[in-house]
Amino acid sequence: MTGEIDIYGVYIPGLLVLMLATLVVSLVVRRALAWSGAYAFVWHRGLFDVALYVVLLGALSSFSQWLLS
């Protein structure tokens, strides 16, 4: 695996695709957390959202590596 995805002759880094997928998942999770009121227990919402994004990116990256192996 080269780590790049070919879309009509344009090579897109695999990490960029994972980051975009993580953004979509993160938006859904953040909306669910806001709806449930879980943000009331969070000290700094911005830092929490960044940490959530990094954790989700790591999880999706690990899942994709497991799926491709």
C-alpha atoms as a PDB file:
ATOM      1  CA  MET A   1       0.000   0.000   0.000  1.00  0.00           C
ATOM      2  CA  THR A   2       1.411   3.373  -0.998  1.00  0.00           C
ATOM      3  CA  GLY A   3      -0.669   5.472   1.378  1.00  0.00           C
ATOM      4  CA  GLU A   4      -2.249   7.467  -1.438  1.00  0.00           C
ATOM      5  CA  ILE A   5      -5.648   7.241  -3.073  1.00  0.00           C
ATOM      6  CA  ASP A   6      -6.016   7.875  -6.804  1.00  0.00           C
ATOM      7  CA  ILE A   7      -9.119   9.869  -7.745  1.00  0.00           C
ATOM      8  CA  TYR A   8      -9.193  10.448 -11.514  1.00  0.00           C
ATOM      9  CA  GLY A   9      -5.430  10.919 -11.684  1.00  0.00           C
ATOM     10  CA  VAL A  10      -5.189  13.119  -8.587  1.00  0.00           C
ATOM     11  CA  TYR A  11      -3.349  11.479  -5.714  1.00  0.00           C
ATOM     12  CA  ILE A  12      -4.863  12.243  -2.315  1.00  0.00           C
ATOM     13  CA  PRO A  13      -2.937  11.332   0.849  1.00  0.00           C
ATOM     14  CA  GLY A  14      -4.648   8.597   2.829  1.00  0.00           C
ATOM     15  CA  LEU A  15      -4.325  10.620   6.019  1.00  0.00           C
ATOM     16  CA  LEU A  16      -6.336  13.462   4.452  1.00  0.00           C
ATOM     17  CA  VAL A  17      -9.172  11.061   3.686  1.00  0.00           C
ATOM     18  CA  LEU A  18      -9.043   9.768   7.269  1.00  0.00           C
ATOM     19  CA  MET A  19      -9.054  13.341   8.602  1.00  0.00           C
ATOM     20  CA  LEU A  20     -12.152  14.222   6.576  1.00  0.00           C
ATOM     21  CA  ALA A  21     -13.933  11.061   7.733  1.00  0.00           C
ATOM     22  CA  THR A  22     -12.956  11.885  11.311  1.00  0.00           C
ATOM     23  CA  LEU A  23     -14.363  15.383  10.917  1.00  0.00           C
ATOM     24  CA  VAL A  24     -17.748  13.965   9.942  1.00  0.00           C
ATOM     25  CA  VAL A  25     -17.720  11.472  12.827  1.00  0.00           C
ATOM     26  CA  SER A  26     -16.571  14.197  15.214  1.00  0.00           C
ATOM     27  CA  LEU A  27     -19.427  16.496  14.201  1.00  0.00           C
ATOM     28  CA  VAL A  28     -21.953  13.741  14.885  1.00  0.00           C
ATOM     29  CA  VAL A  29     -20.400  12.890  18.266  1.00  0.00           C
ATOM     30  CA  ARG A  30     -20.183  16.557  19.277  1.00  0.00           C
ATOM     31  CA  ARG A  31     -23.833  17.104  18.382  1.00  0.00           C
ATOM     32  CA  ALA A  32     -24.822  14.046  20.438  1.00  0.00           C
ATOM     33  CA  LEU A  33     -22.767  15.290  23.399  1.00  0.00           C
ATOM     34  CA  ALA A  34     -24.368  18.742  23.182  1.00  0.00           C
ATOM     35  CA  TRP A  35     -27.847  17.249  22.944  1.00  0.00           C
ATOM     36  CA  SER A  36     -27.312  14.976  25.935  1.00  0.00           C
ATOM     37  CA  GLY A  37     -25.887  17.770  28.091  1.00  0.00           C
ATOM     38  CA  ALA A  38     -22.534  16.075  28.606  1.00  0.00           C
ATOM     39  CA  TYR A  39     -20.710  19.341  27.907  1.00  0.00           C
ATOM     40  CA  ALA A  40     -21.865  20.595  31.303  1.00  0.00           C
ATOM     41  CA  PHE A  41     -19.197  18.346  32.852  1.00  0.00           C
ATOM     42  CA  VAL A  42     -16.404  19.591  30.555  1.00  0.00           C
ATOM     43  CA  TRP A  43     -14.085  22.338  31.774  1.00  0.00           C
ATOM     44  CA  HIS A  44     -12.971  23.741  28.394  1.00  0.00           C
ATOM     45  CA  ARG A  45     -15.128  22.768  25.430  1.00  0.00           C
ATOM     46  CA  GLY A  46     -12.567  23.731  22.759  1.00  0.00           C
ATOM     47  CA  LEU A  47      -9.797  21.633  24.286  1.00  0.00           C
ATOM     48  CA  PHE A  48     -12.195  18.755  24.764  1.00  0.00           C
ATOM     49  CA  ASP A  49     -13.258  18.920  21.109  1.00  0.00           C
ATOM     50  CA  VAL A  50      -9.641  18.890  19.902  1.00  0.00           C
ATOM     51  CA  ALA A  51      -8.820  15.939  22.155  1.00  0.00           C
ATOM     52  CA  LEU A  52     -11.954  14.143  20.951  1.00  0.00           C
ATOM     53  CA  TYR A  53     -10.893  14.702  17.334  1.00  0.00           C
ATOM     54  CA  VAL A  54      -7.395  13.325  17.983  1.00  0.00           C
ATOM     55  CA  VAL A  55      -8.765  10.257  19.757  1.00  0.00           C
ATOM     56  CA  LEU A  56     -11.264   9.603  16.958  1.00  0.00           C
ATOM     57  CA  LEU A  57      -8.545  10.063  14.319  1.00  0.00           C
ATOM     58  CA  GLY A  58      -6.374   7.519  16.093  1.00  0.00           C
ATOM     59  CA  ALA A  59      -9.288   5.109  16.382  1.00  0.00           C
ATOM     60  CA  LEU A  60     -10.232   5.425  12.700  1.00  0.00           C
ATOM     61  CA  SER A  61      -6.587   5.082  11.680  1.00  0.00           C
ATOM     62  CA  SER A  62      -6.194   1.915  13.741  1.00  0.00           C
ATOM     63  CA  PHE A  63      -9.475   0.546  12.430  1.00  0.00           C
ATOM     64  CA  SER A  64      -8.480   1.200   8.821  1.00  0.00           C
ATOM     65  CA  GLN A  65      -5.093  -0.472   9.324  1.00  0.00           C
ATOM     66  CA  TRP A  66      -6.799  -3.482  10.908  1.00  0.00           C
ATOM     67  CA  LEU A  67      -9.334  -3.587   8.087  1.00  0.00           C
ATOM     68  CA  LEU A  68      -6.679  -3.478   5.347  1.00  0.00           C
ATOM     69  CA  SER A  69      -4.390  -6.091   6.904  1.00  0.00           C
END
